[in-house]
Amino acid sequence: MKSKKNLTRFTYESAAFEGWRLCISRAGSTFTRYFPDKKFGGGKKSLAAAEKALADAKAILDGAKRVDGKLTATTVRKVEKMLADAV
């Protein structure tokens, strides 16, 4: 499996973590979430969960209002909560 835009595959032989990392930046704010294979039941399932979370985050961020070029605190909290609850 290859990495995609905003999604990076982590596979280390010497480390315990294998899975996908979602990282998206908008208007000076960066959002990151890890989707481990162990929790989601394999590489394809963790990728599917990461892609869904990425689509949801983009939907929120693309329609968000900005104040002085930055995202509002409400928008930042909404995306962080959505990523924390992503399954």
PDB file of N, CA and C in Angstrom:
ATOM      1  N   MET A   1       0.845  -1.172   0.000  1.00  0.00           N
ATOM      2  CA  MET A   1       0.000   0.000   0.000  1.00  0.00           C
ATOM      3  C   MET A   1       0.893   1.239   0.000  1.00  0.00           C
ATOM      4  N   LYS A   2       0.566   2.173  -0.870  1.00  0.00           N
ATOM      5  CA  LYS A   2       1.358   3.390  -0.972  1.00  0.00           C
ATOM      6  C   LYS A   2       0.669   4.528  -0.237  1.00  0.00           C
ATOM      7  N   SER A   3       1.473   5.486   0.182  1.00  0.00           N
ATOM      8  CA  SER A   3       0.934   6.675   0.826  1.00  0.00           C
ATOM      9  C   SER A   3       0.162   7.502  -0.187  1.00  0.00           C
ATOM     10  N   LYS A   4      -0.788   8.275   0.320  1.00  0.00           N
ATOM     11  CA  LYS A   4      -1.617   9.143  -0.508  1.00  0.00           C
ATOM     12  C   LYS A   4      -1.535  10.542   0.069  1.00  0.00           C
ATOM     13  N   LYS A   5      -2.059  11.512  -0.625  1.00  0.00           N
ATOM     14  CA  LYS A   5      -2.020  12.882  -0.127  1.00  0.00           C
ATOM     15  C   LYS A   5      -2.750  12.960   1.216  1.00  0.00           C
ATOM     16  N   ASN A   6      -2.098  13.505   2.218  1.00  0.00           N
ATOM     17  CA  ASN A   6      -2.592  13.662   3.581  1.00  0.00           C
ATOM     18  C   ASN A   6      -2.654  12.350   4.359  1.00  0.00           C
ATOM     19  N   LEU A   7      -2.306  11.238   3.755  1.00  0.00           N
ATOM     20  CA  LEU A   7      -2.287   9.938   4.436  1.00  0.00           C
ATOM     21  C   LEU A   7      -0.923   9.288   4.200  1.00  0.00           C
ATOM     22  N   THR A   8      -0.258   8.907   5.285  1.00  0.00           N
ATOM     23  CA  THR A   8       1.068   8.315   5.189  1.00  0.00           C
ATOM     24  C   THR A   8       1.040   6.939   5.832  1.00  0.00           C
ATOM     25  N   ARG A   9       1.609   5.977   5.147  1.00  0.00           N
ATOM     26  CA  ARG A   9       1.682   4.609   5.664  1.00  0.00           C
ATOM     27  C   ARG A   9       2.943   4.454   6.505  1.00  0.00           C
ATOM     28  N   PHE A  10       2.787   3.948   7.735  1.00  0.00           N
ATOM     29  CA  PHE A  10       3.915   3.670   8.606  1.00  0.00           C
ATOM     30  C   PHE A  10       4.012   2.173   8.806  1.00  0.00           C
ATOM     31  N   THR A  11       5.135   1.600   8.379  1.00  0.00           N
ATOM     32  CA  THR A  11       5.395   0.185   8.575  1.00  0.00           C
ATOM     33  C   THR A  11       6.853   0.054   8.988  1.00  0.00           C
ATOM     34  N   TYR A  12       7.076  -0.268  10.244  1.00  0.00           N
ATOM     35  CA  TYR A  12       8.424  -0.417  10.755  1.00  0.00           C
ATOM     36  C   TYR A  12       8.607  -1.836  11.260  1.00  0.00           C
ATOM     37  N   GLU A  13       9.705  -2.456  10.886  1.00  0.00           N
ATOM     38  CA  GLU A  13       9.983  -3.801  11.365  1.00  0.00           C
ATOM     39  C   GLU A  13      10.398  -3.790  12.825  1.00  0.00           C
ATOM     40  N   SER A  14      11.063  -2.724  13.266  1.00  0.00           N
ATOM     41  CA  SER A  14      11.594  -2.684  14.626  1.00  0.00           C
ATOM     42  C   SER A  14      10.686  -1.951  15.615  1.00  0.00           C
ATOM     43  N   ALA A  15       9.577  -1.399  15.149  1.00  0.00           N
ATOM     44  CA  ALA A  15       8.682  -0.661  16.040  1.00  0.00           C
ATOM     45  C   ALA A  15       7.336  -1.384  16.157  1.00  0.00           C
ATOM     46  N   ALA A  16       6.599  -1.023  17.179  1.00  0.00           N
ATOM     47  CA  ALA A  16       5.324  -1.682  17.425  1.00  0.00           C
ATOM     48  C   ALA A  16       4.198  -1.113  16.570  1.00  0.00           C
ATOM     49  N   PHE A  17       4.359   0.114  16.017  1.00  0.00           N
ATOM     50  CA  PHE A  17       3.267   0.752  15.288  1.00  0.00           C
ATOM     51  C   PHE A  17       3.299   0.421  13.810  1.00  0.00           C
ATOM     52  N   GLU A  18       2.172  -0.022  13.308  1.00  0.00           N
ATOM     53  CA  GLU A  18       1.944  -0.164  11.875  1.00  0.00           C
ATOM     54  C   GLU A  18       0.563   0.382  11.609  1.00  0.00           C
ATOM     55  N   GLY A  19       0.452   1.251  10.633  1.00  0.00           N
ATOM     56  CA  GLY A  19      -0.845   1.825  10.310  1.00  0.00           C
ATOM     57  C   GLY A  19      -0.718   3.070   9.463  1.00  0.00           C
ATOM     58  N   TRP A  20      -1.759   3.881   9.500  1.00  0.00           N
ATOM     59  CA  TRP A  20      -1.845   5.090   8.692  1.00  0.00           C
ATOM     60  C   TRP A  20      -1.886   6.325   9.575  1.00  0.00           C
ATOM     61  N   ARG A  21      -1.245   7.394   9.102  1.00  0.00           N
ATOM     62  CA  ARG A  21      -1.286   8.679   9.792  1.00  0.00           C
ATOM     63  C   ARG A  21      -1.973   9.679   8.885  1.00  0.00           C
ATOM     64  N   LEU A  22      -3.012  10.302   9.404  1.00  0.00           N
ATOM     65  CA  LEU A  22      -3.709  11.376   8.700  1.00  0.00           C
ATOM     66  C   LEU A  22      -3.123  12.689   9.206  1.00  0.00           C
ATOM     67  N   CYS A  23      -2.722  13.554   8.309  1.00  0.00           N
ATOM     68  CA  CYS A  23      -2.194  14.861   8.687  1.00  0.00           C
ATOM     69  C   CYS A  23      -2.681  15.869   7.648  1.00  0.00           C
ATOM     70  N   ILE A  24      -3.458  16.842   8.115  1.00  0.00           N
ATOM     71  CA  ILE A  24      -4.003  17.849   7.219  1.00  0.00           C
ATOM     72  C   ILE A  24      -3.803  19.225   7.847  1.00  0.00           C
ATOM     73  N   SER A  25      -3.373  20.172   7.044  1.00  0.00           N
ATOM     74  CA  SER A  25      -3.137  21.535   7.518  1.00  0.00           C
ATOM     75  C   SER A  25      -3.998  22.500   6.718  1.00  0.00           C
ATOM     76  N   ARG A  26      -4.618  23.409   7.436  1.00  0.00           N
ATOM     77  CA  ARG A  26      -5.418  24.461   6.809  1.00  0.00           C
ATOM     78  C   ARG A  26      -5.283  25.721   7.647  1.00  0.00           C
ATOM     79  N   ALA A  27      -5.013  26.826   7.002  1.00  0.00           N
ATOM     80  CA  ALA A  27      -5.026  28.153   7.625  1.00  0.00           C
ATOM     81  C   ALA A  27      -4.246  28.204   8.937  1.00  0.00           C
ATOM     82  N   GLY A  28      -3.060  27.607   8.945  1.00  0.00           N
ATOM     83  CA  GLY A  28      -2.210  27.674  10.125  1.00  0.00           C
ATOM     84  C   GLY A  28      -2.488  26.640  11.196  1.00  0.00           C
ATOM     85  N   SER A  29      -3.452  25.771  10.994  1.00  0.00           N
ATOM     86  CA  SER A  29      -3.770  24.716  11.969  1.00  0.00           C
ATOM     87  C   SER A  29      -3.471  23.357  11.340  1.00  0.00           C
ATOM     88  N   THR A  30      -2.849  22.492  12.129  1.00  0.00           N
ATOM     89  CA  THR A  30      -2.517  21.151  11.658  1.00  0.00           C
ATOM     90  C   THR A  30      -3.255  20.134  12.517  1.00  0.00           C
ATOM     91  N   PHE A  31      -3.858  19.161  11.847  1.00  0.00           N
ATOM     92  CA  PHE A  31      -4.615  18.110  12.522  1.00  0.00           C
ATOM     93  C   PHE A  31      -3.979  16.773  12.170  1.00  0.00           C
ATOM     94  N   THR A  32      -3.705  15.967  13.200  1.00  0.00           N
ATOM     95  CA  THR A  32      -3.051  14.678  12.999  1.00  0.00           C
ATOM     96  C   THR A  32      -3.785  13.602  13.789  1.00  0.00           C
ATOM     97  N   ARG A  33      -3.903  12.445  13.180  1.00  0.00           N
ATOM     98  CA  ARG A  33      -4.528  11.291  13.851  1.00  0.00           C
ATOM     99  C   ARG A  33      -3.900  10.034  13.278  1.00  0.00           C
ATOM    100  N   TYR A  34      -3.626   9.073  14.150  1.00  0.00           N
ATOM    101  CA  TYR A  34      -3.067   7.790  13.743  1.00  0.00           C
ATOM    102  C   TYR A  34      -4.170   6.735  13.713  1.00  0.00           C
ATOM    103  N   PHE A  35      -4.113   5.872  12.707  1.00  0.00           N
ATOM    104  CA  PHE A  35      -5.071   4.780  12.542  1.00  0.00           C
ATOM    105  C   PHE A  35      -4.282   3.464  12.509  1.00  0.00           C
ATOM    106  N   PRO A  36      -4.070   2.845  13.686  1.00  0.00           N
ATOM    107  CA  PRO A  36      -3.260   1.627  13.752  1.00  0.00           C
ATOM    108  C   PRO A  36      -3.998   0.412  13.184  1.00  0.00           C
ATOM    109  N   ASP A  37      -3.233  -0.449  12.529  1.00  0.00           N
ATOM    110  CA  ASP A  37      -3.796  -1.672  11.955  1.00  0.00           C
ATOM    111  C   ASP A  37      -4.400  -2.571  13.037  1.00  0.00           C
ATOM    112  N   LYS A  38      -3.755  -2.635  14.196  1.00  0.00           N
ATOM    113  CA  LYS A  38      -4.247  -3.514  15.265  1.00  0.00           C
ATOM    114  C   LYS A  38      -5.638  -3.108  15.728  1.00  0.00           C
ATOM    115  N   LYS A  39      -5.876  -1.822  15.854  1.00  0.00           N
ATOM    116  CA  LYS A  39      -7.168  -1.346  16.351  1.00  0.00           C
ATOM    117  C   LYS A  39      -8.274  -1.537  15.318  1.00  0.00           C
ATOM    118  N   PHE A  40      -7.947  -1.342  14.044  1.00  0.00           N
ATOM    119  CA  PHE A  40      -8.971  -1.368  12.999  1.00  0.00           C
ATOM    120  C   PHE A  40      -9.063  -2.706  12.270  1.00  0.00           C
ATOM    121  N   GLY A  41      -8.198  -3.652  12.581  1.00  0.00           N
ATOM    122  CA  GLY A  41      -8.320  -4.985  12.014  1.00  0.00           C
ATOM    123  C   GLY A  41      -7.592  -5.200  10.704  1.00  0.00           C
ATOM    124  N   GLY A  42      -6.546  -4.457  10.451  1.00  0.00           N
ATOM    125  CA  GLY A  42      -5.750  -4.663   9.246  1.00  0.00           C
ATOM    126  C   GLY A  42      -5.518  -3.384   8.482  1.00  0.00           C
ATOM    127  N   GLY A  43      -4.612  -3.475   7.512  1.00  0.00           N
ATOM    128  CA  GLY A  43      -4.214  -2.309   6.736  1.00  0.00           C
ATOM    129  C   GLY A  43      -5.326  -1.698   5.910  1.00  0.00           C
ATOM    130  N   LYS A  44      -6.133  -2.535   5.276  1.00  0.00           N
ATOM    131  CA  LYS A  44      -7.212  -2.008   4.425  1.00  0.00           C
ATOM    132  C   LYS A  44      -8.302  -1.336   5.250  1.00  0.00           C
ATOM    133  N   LYS A  45      -8.620  -1.916   6.396  1.00  0.00           N
ATOM    134  CA  LYS A  45      -9.665  -1.332   7.244  1.00  0.00           C
ATOM    135  C   LYS A  45      -9.193  -0.034   7.886  1.00  0.00           C
ATOM    136  N   SER A  46      -7.929   0.019   8.289  1.00  0.00           N
ATOM    137  CA  SER A  46      -7.414   1.269   8.868  1.00  0.00           C
ATOM    138  C   SER A  46      -7.320   2.343   7.804  1.00  0.00           C
ATOM    139  N   LEU A  47      -6.985   1.968   6.577  1.00  0.00           N
ATOM    140  CA  LEU A  47      -6.964   2.929   5.471  1.00  0.00           C
ATOM    141  C   LEU A  47      -8.367   3.463   5.192  1.00  0.00           C
ATOM    142  N   ALA A  48      -9.353   2.585   5.192  1.00  0.00           N
ATOM    143  CA  ALA A  48     -10.737   3.014   4.955  1.00  0.00           C
ATOM    144  C   ALA A  48     -11.194   3.996   6.034  1.00  0.00           C
ATOM    145  N   ALA A  49     -10.855   3.724   7.290  1.00  0.00           N
ATOM    146  CA  ALA A  49     -11.224   4.623   8.383  1.00  0.00           C
ATOM    147  C   ALA A  49     -10.513   5.966   8.238  1.00  0.00           C
ATOM    148  N   ALA A  50      -9.240   5.933   7.846  1.00  0.00           N
ATOM    149  CA  ALA A  50      -8.475   7.165   7.665  1.00  0.00           C
ATOM    150  C   ALA A  50      -9.029   7.990   6.503  1.00  0.00           C
ATOM    151  N   GLU A  51      -9.396   7.322   5.411  1.00  0.00           N
ATOM    152  CA  GLU A  51      -9.961   8.042   4.257  1.00  0.00           C
ATOM    153  C   GLU A  51     -11.302   8.685   4.606  1.00  0.00           C
ATOM    154  N   LYS A  52     -12.126   7.985   5.375  1.00  0.00           N
ATOM    155  CA  LYS A  52     -13.413   8.550   5.784  1.00  0.00           C
ATOM    156  C   LYS A  52     -13.196   9.762   6.684  1.00  0.00           C
ATOM    157  N   ALA A  53     -12.279   9.647   7.645  1.00  0.00           N
ATOM    158  CA  ALA A  53     -11.981  10.766   8.539  1.00  0.00           C
ATOM    159  C   ALA A  53     -11.416  11.947   7.761  1.00  0.00           C
ATOM    160  N   LEU A  54     -10.587  11.679   6.769  1.00  0.00           N
ATOM    161  CA  LEU A  54     -10.026  12.748   5.936  1.00  0.00           C
ATOM    162  C   LEU A  54     -11.117  13.465   5.158  1.00  0.00           C
ATOM    163  N   ALA A  55     -12.046  12.712   4.589  1.00  0.00           N
ATOM    164  CA  ALA A  55     -13.151  13.312   3.845  1.00  0.00           C
ATOM    165  C   ALA A  55     -14.022  14.172   4.764  1.00  0.00           C
ATOM    166  N   ASP A  56     -14.291  13.676   5.957  1.00  0.00           N
ATOM    167  CA  ASP A  56     -15.095  14.433   6.927  1.00  0.00           C
ATOM    168  C   ASP A  56     -14.376  15.717   7.351  1.00  0.00           C
ATOM    169  N   ALA A  57     -13.074  15.610   7.601  1.00  0.00           N
ATOM    170  CA  ALA A  57     -12.297  16.781   8.010  1.00  0.00           C
ATOM    171  C   ALA A  57     -12.258  17.822   6.894  1.00  0.00           C
ATOM    172  N   LYS A  58     -12.058  17.369   5.657  1.00  0.00           N
ATOM    173  CA  LYS A  58     -12.037  18.303   4.529  1.00  0.00           C
ATOM    174  C   LYS A  58     -13.382  18.999   4.365  1.00  0.00           C
ATOM    175  N   ALA A  59     -14.467  18.264   4.572  1.00  0.00           N
ATOM    176  CA  ALA A  59     -15.801  18.853   4.449  1.00  0.00           C
ATOM    177  C   ALA A  59     -15.998  19.971   5.469  1.00  0.00           C
ATOM    178  N   ILE A  60     -15.537  19.755   6.685  1.00  0.00           N
ATOM    179  CA  ILE A  60     -15.658  20.778   7.721  1.00  0.00           C
ATOM    180  C   ILE A  60     -14.743  21.959   7.415  1.00  0.00           C
ATOM    181  N   LEU A  61     -13.494  21.670   7.058  1.00  0.00           N
ATOM    182  CA  LEU A  61     -12.508  22.729   6.867  1.00  0.00           C
ATOM    183  C   LEU A  61     -12.757  23.577   5.622  1.00  0.00           C
ATOM    184  N   ASP A  62     -13.230  22.960   4.557  1.00  0.00           N
ATOM    185  CA  ASP A  62     -13.449  23.715   3.317  1.00  0.00           C
ATOM    186  C   ASP A  62     -14.607  24.695   3.426  1.00  0.00           C
ATOM    187  N   GLY A  63     -15.574  24.401   4.282  1.00  0.00           N
ATOM    188  CA  GLY A  63     -16.717  25.291   4.443  1.00  0.00           C
ATOM    189  C   GLY A  63     -16.597  26.209   5.649  1.00  0.00           C
ATOM    190  N   ALA A  64     -15.435  26.195   6.313  1.00  0.00           N
ATOM    191  CA  ALA A  64     -15.271  26.940   7.564  1.00  0.00           C
ATOM    192  C   ALA A  64     -14.995  28.424   7.312  1.00  0.00           C
ATOM    193  N   LYS A  65     -15.502  29.232   8.231  1.00  0.00           N
ATOM    194  CA  LYS A  65     -15.211  30.662   8.196  1.00  0.00           C
ATOM    195  C   LYS A  65     -13.828  30.898   8.773  1.00  0.00           C
ATOM    196  N   ARG A  66     -13.211  31.975   8.330  1.00  0.00           N
ATOM    197  CA  ARG A  66     -11.888  32.335   8.828  1.00  0.00           C
ATOM    198  C   ARG A  66     -11.906  33.750   9.362  1.00  0.00           C
ATOM    199  N   VAL A  67     -11.137  33.955  10.399  1.00  0.00           N
ATOM    200  CA  VAL A  67     -10.991  35.276  10.994  1.00  0.00           C
ATOM    201  C   VAL A  67      -9.518  35.650  10.890  1.00  0.00           C
ATOM    202  N   ASP A  68      -9.235  36.729  10.184  1.00  0.00           N
ATOM    203  CA  ASP A  68      -7.855  37.156   9.946  1.00  0.00           C
ATOM    204  C   ASP A  68      -7.008  36.043   9.329  1.00  0.00           C
ATOM    205  N   GLY A  69      -7.596  35.261   8.451  1.00  0.00           N
ATOM    206  CA  GLY A  69      -6.884  34.199   7.754  1.00  0.00           C
ATOM    207  C   GLY A  69      -6.707  32.916   8.549  1.00  0.00           C
ATOM    208  N   LYS A  70      -7.194  32.866   9.774  1.00  0.00           N
ATOM    209  CA  LYS A  70      -7.072  31.671  10.618  1.00  0.00           C
ATOM    210  C   LYS A  70      -8.441  31.035  10.821  1.00  0.00           C
ATOM    211  N   LEU A  71      -8.433  29.748  11.114  1.00  0.00           N
ATOM    212  CA  LEU A  71      -9.677  29.055  11.428  1.00  0.00           C
ATOM    213  C   LEU A  71     -10.180  29.520  12.791  1.00  0.00           C
ATOM    214  N   THR A  72     -11.488  29.539  12.959  1.00  0.00           N
ATOM    215  CA  THR A  72     -12.053  29.913  14.259  1.00  0.00           C
ATOM    216  C   THR A  72     -11.804  28.794  15.265  1.00  0.00           C
ATOM    217  N   ALA A  73     -11.818  29.143  16.539  1.00  0.00           N
ATOM    218  CA  ALA A  73     -11.596  28.155  17.595  1.00  0.00           C
ATOM    219  C   ALA A  73     -12.674  27.075  17.571  1.00  0.00           C
ATOM    220  N   THR A  74     -13.888  27.454  17.223  1.00  0.00           N
ATOM    221  CA  THR A  74     -14.990  26.493  17.142  1.00  0.00           C
ATOM    222  C   THR A  74     -14.722  25.451  16.061  1.00  0.00           C
ATOM    223  N   THR A  75     -14.237  25.888  14.923  1.00  0.00           N
ATOM    224  CA  THR A  75     -13.936  24.965  13.831  1.00  0.00           C
ATOM    225  C   THR A  75     -12.808  24.020  14.229  1.00  0.00           C
ATOM    226  N   VAL A  76     -11.777  24.549  14.860  1.00  0.00           N
ATOM    227  CA  VAL A  76     -10.650  23.719  15.295  1.00  0.00           C
ATOM    228  C   VAL A  76     -11.140  22.655  16.273  1.00  0.00           C
ATOM    229  N   ARG A  77     -11.950  23.030  17.248  1.00  0.00           N
ATOM    230  CA  ARG A  77     -12.490  22.056  18.217  1.00  0.00           C
ATOM    231  C   ARG A  77     -13.365  21.019  17.523  1.00  0.00           C
ATOM    232  N   LYS A  78     -14.164  21.458  16.557  1.00  0.00           N
ATOM    233  CA  LYS A  78     -15.060  20.535  15.852  1.00  0.00           C
ATOM    234  C   LYS A  78     -14.260  19.469  15.102  1.00  0.00           C
ATOM    235  N   VAL A  79     -13.197  19.882  14.413  1.00  0.00           N
ATOM    236  CA  VAL A  79     -12.375  18.920  13.667  1.00  0.00           C
ATOM    237  C   VAL A  79     -11.634  17.997  14.636  1.00  0.00           C
ATOM    238  N   GLU A  80     -11.078  18.553  15.714  1.00  0.00           N
ATOM    239  CA  GLU A  80     -10.372  17.716  16.692  1.00  0.00           C
ATOM    240  C   GLU A  80     -11.303  16.686  17.326  1.00  0.00           C
ATOM    241  N   LYS A  81     -12.531  17.078  17.646  1.00  0.00           N
ATOM    242  CA  LYS A  81     -13.496  16.136  18.213  1.00  0.00           C
ATOM    243  C   LYS A  81     -13.878  15.068  17.199  1.00  0.00           C
ATOM    244  N   MET A  82     -14.080  15.469  15.953  1.00  0.00           N
ATOM    245  CA  MET A  82     -14.430  14.514  14.913  1.00  0.00           C
ATOM    246  C   MET A  82     -13.317  13.493  14.720  1.00  0.00           C
ATOM    247  N   LEU A  83     -12.064  13.941  14.724  1.00  0.00           N
ATOM    248  CA  LEU A  83     -10.956  13.023  14.568  1.00  0.00           C
ATOM    249  C   LEU A  83     -10.798  12.103  15.779  1.00  0.00           C
ATOM    250  N   ALA A  84     -11.030  12.629  16.962  1.00  0.00           N
ATOM    251  CA  ALA A  84     -10.931  11.807  18.177  1.00  0.00           C
ATOM    252  C   ALA A  84     -12.003  10.721  18.196  1.00  0.00           C
ATOM    253  N   ASP A  85     -13.169  11.021  17.651  1.00  0.00           N
ATOM    254  CA  ASP A  85     -14.286  10.064  17.652  1.00  0.00           C
ATOM    255  C   ASP A  85     -14.298   9.163  16.428  1.00  0.00           C
ATOM    256  N   ALA A  86     -13.380   9.375  15.477  1.00  0.00           N
ATOM    257  CA  ALA A  86     -13.374   8.616  14.225  1.00  0.00           C
ATOM    258  C   ALA A  86     -13.177   7.135  14.514  1.00  0.00           C
ATOM    259  N   VAL A  87     -13.999   6.334  13.882  1.00  0.00           N
ATOM    260  CA  VAL A  87     -13.898   4.869  14.051  1.00  0.00           C
ATOM    261  C   VAL A  87     -13.786   4.220  12.708  1.00  0.00           C
TER     262      VAL A  87
END
